[in-house]
């Protein structure tokens, strides 16, 4: 999931095309900081993704089938 977010935010397709053409033109990229990401399924994998997104300044909204299991999460 994190790779997909960065793929679109940094416009990786454009970077690869410019690399293949050997022509680098400047362009603006998106920042993930301040964005909100929803995670459906907040088990081990969802929590691992969230822990990697938090340092990037992303607000995380998570949904899990058994919310009582989230009480032990420190953040």
C-alpha atoms as a PDB file:
ATOM      1  CA  UNK A   1       0.000   0.000   0.000  1.00  0.00           C
ATOM      2  CA  UNK A   2       2.784   2.406   0.884  1.00  0.00           C
ATOM      3  CA  UNK A   3       4.475   1.712  -2.443  1.00  0.00           C
ATOM      4  CA  UNK A   4       1.234   2.506  -4.302  1.00  0.00           C
ATOM      5  CA  UNK A   5       0.838   5.807  -2.442  1.00  0.00           C
ATOM      6  CA  UNK A   6       4.384   6.834  -3.277  1.00  0.00           C
ATOM      7  CA  UNK A   7       3.998   5.637  -6.892  1.00  0.00           C
ATOM      8  CA  UNK A   8       1.170   8.101  -7.495  1.00  0.00           C
ATOM      9  CA  UNK A   9       2.423  10.900  -5.251  1.00  0.00           C
ATOM     10  CA  UNK A  10       5.849  11.011  -6.893  1.00  0.00           C
ATOM     11  CA  UNK A  11       4.541  10.244 -10.420  1.00  0.00           C
ATOM     12  CA  UNK A  12       6.910   7.310 -10.828  1.00  0.00           C
ATOM     13  CA  UNK A  13       5.632   6.540 -14.335  1.00  0.00           C
ATOM     14  CA  UNK A  14       6.792   9.974 -15.499  1.00  0.00           C
ATOM     15  CA  UNK A  15      10.180   9.539 -13.812  1.00  0.00           C
ATOM     16  CA  UNK A  16      10.750   6.197 -15.535  1.00  0.00           C
ATOM     17  CA  UNK A  17       9.753   7.661 -18.921  1.00  0.00           C
ATOM     18  CA  UNK A  18      12.140  10.589 -18.435  1.00  0.00           C
ATOM     19  CA  UNK A  19      14.918   8.226 -17.426  1.00  0.00           C
ATOM     20  CA  UNK A  20      14.369   6.113 -20.557  1.00  0.00           C
ATOM     21  CA  UNK A  21      14.381   9.231 -22.748  1.00  0.00           C
ATOM     22  CA  UNK A  22      17.411  10.676 -20.990  1.00  0.00           C
ATOM     23  CA  UNK A  23      15.600  14.001 -20.675  1.00  0.00           C
ATOM     24  CA  UNK A  24      14.907  15.410 -17.229  1.00  0.00           C
ATOM     25  CA  UNK A  25      12.334  18.152 -16.951  1.00  0.00           C
ATOM     26  CA  UNK A  26      11.379  19.517 -13.549  1.00  0.00           C
ATOM     27  CA  UNK A  27       7.875  18.933 -12.212  1.00  0.00           C
ATOM     28  CA  UNK A  28       6.091  19.151  -8.888  1.00  0.00           C
ATOM     29  CA  UNK A  29       5.284  16.080  -6.846  1.00  0.00           C
ATOM     30  CA  UNK A  30       2.608  15.565  -4.229  1.00  0.00           C
ATOM     31  CA  UNK A  31       3.398  15.513  -0.525  1.00  0.00           C
ATOM     32  CA  UNK A  32       1.805  12.837   1.638  1.00  0.00           C
ATOM     33  CA  UNK A  33       2.131  14.994   4.754  1.00  0.00           C
ATOM     34  CA  UNK A  34      -1.258  16.213   5.909  1.00  0.00           C
ATOM     35  CA  UNK A  35      -3.157  13.682   3.785  1.00  0.00           C
ATOM     36  CA  UNK A  36      -5.602  11.161   5.235  1.00  0.00           C
ATOM     37  CA  UNK A  37      -5.291   7.445   4.471  1.00  0.00           C
ATOM     38  CA  UNK A  38      -7.999   4.897   5.265  1.00  0.00           C
ATOM     39  CA  UNK A  39      -6.963   1.368   6.119  1.00  0.00           C
ATOM     40  CA  UNK A  40      -9.618  -1.335   5.918  1.00  0.00           C
ATOM     41  CA  UNK A  41      -8.433  -4.303   7.931  1.00  0.00           C
ATOM     42  CA  UNK A  42      -6.309  -3.141  10.830  1.00  0.00           C
ATOM     43  CA  UNK A  43      -4.688  -6.415  11.774  1.00  0.00           C
ATOM     44  CA  UNK A  44      -0.944  -7.026  11.749  1.00  0.00           C
ATOM     45  CA  UNK A  45      -0.482  -5.902   8.150  1.00  0.00           C
ATOM     46  CA  UNK A  46      -2.671  -2.798   8.485  1.00  0.00           C
ATOM     47  CA  UNK A  47      -0.810  -1.790  11.642  1.00  0.00           C
ATOM     48  CA  UNK A  48       2.551  -2.307   9.914  1.00  0.00           C
ATOM     49  CA  UNK A  49       1.450  -0.040   7.064  1.00  0.00           C
ATOM     50  CA  UNK A  50       0.185   2.568   9.526  1.00  0.00           C
ATOM     51  CA  UNK A  51       3.453   2.522  11.464  1.00  0.00           C
ATOM     52  CA  UNK A  52       5.332   3.298   8.244  1.00  0.00           C
ATOM     53  CA  UNK A  53       2.942   6.072   7.225  1.00  0.00           C
ATOM     54  CA  UNK A  54       2.948   7.926  10.557  1.00  0.00           C
ATOM     55  CA  UNK A  55       6.503   9.339  10.188  1.00  0.00           C
ATOM     56  CA  UNK A  56       5.414  10.807   6.839  1.00  0.00           C
ATOM     57  CA  UNK A  57       2.822  12.974   8.608  1.00  0.00           C
ATOM     58  CA  UNK A  58      -0.188  11.069   7.301  1.00  0.00           C
ATOM     59  CA  UNK A  59      -3.443  10.981   9.282  1.00  0.00           C
ATOM     60  CA  UNK A  60      -4.662   7.399   9.532  1.00  0.00           C
ATOM     61  CA  UNK A  61      -8.253   6.227   9.742  1.00  0.00           C
ATOM     62  CA  UNK A  62      -8.530   2.505  10.354  1.00  0.00           C
ATOM     63  CA  UNK A  63     -11.416   0.080  10.291  1.00  0.00           C
ATOM     64  CA  UNK A  64     -11.354  -3.345  11.791  1.00  0.00           C
ATOM     65  CA  UNK A  65     -13.927  -6.032  12.305  1.00  0.00           C
ATOM     66  CA  UNK A  66     -13.257  -6.230  16.057  1.00  0.00           C
ATOM     67  CA  UNK A  67     -12.493  -2.679  17.273  1.00  0.00           C
ATOM     68  CA  UNK A  68     -11.954  -3.850  20.862  1.00  0.00           C
ATOM     69  CA  UNK A  69      -8.629  -5.314  19.719  1.00  0.00           C
ATOM     70  CA  UNK A  70      -7.380  -1.807  18.912  1.00  0.00           C
ATOM     71  CA  UNK A  71      -7.453  -0.659  22.546  1.00  0.00           C
ATOM     72  CA  UNK A  72      -3.891  -1.906  23.059  1.00  0.00           C
ATOM     73  CA  UNK A  73      -2.392   0.136  20.197  1.00  0.00           C
ATOM     74  CA  UNK A  74      -0.291   2.908  21.801  1.00  0.00           C
ATOM     75  CA  UNK A  75      -1.013   5.636  19.244  1.00  0.00           C
END
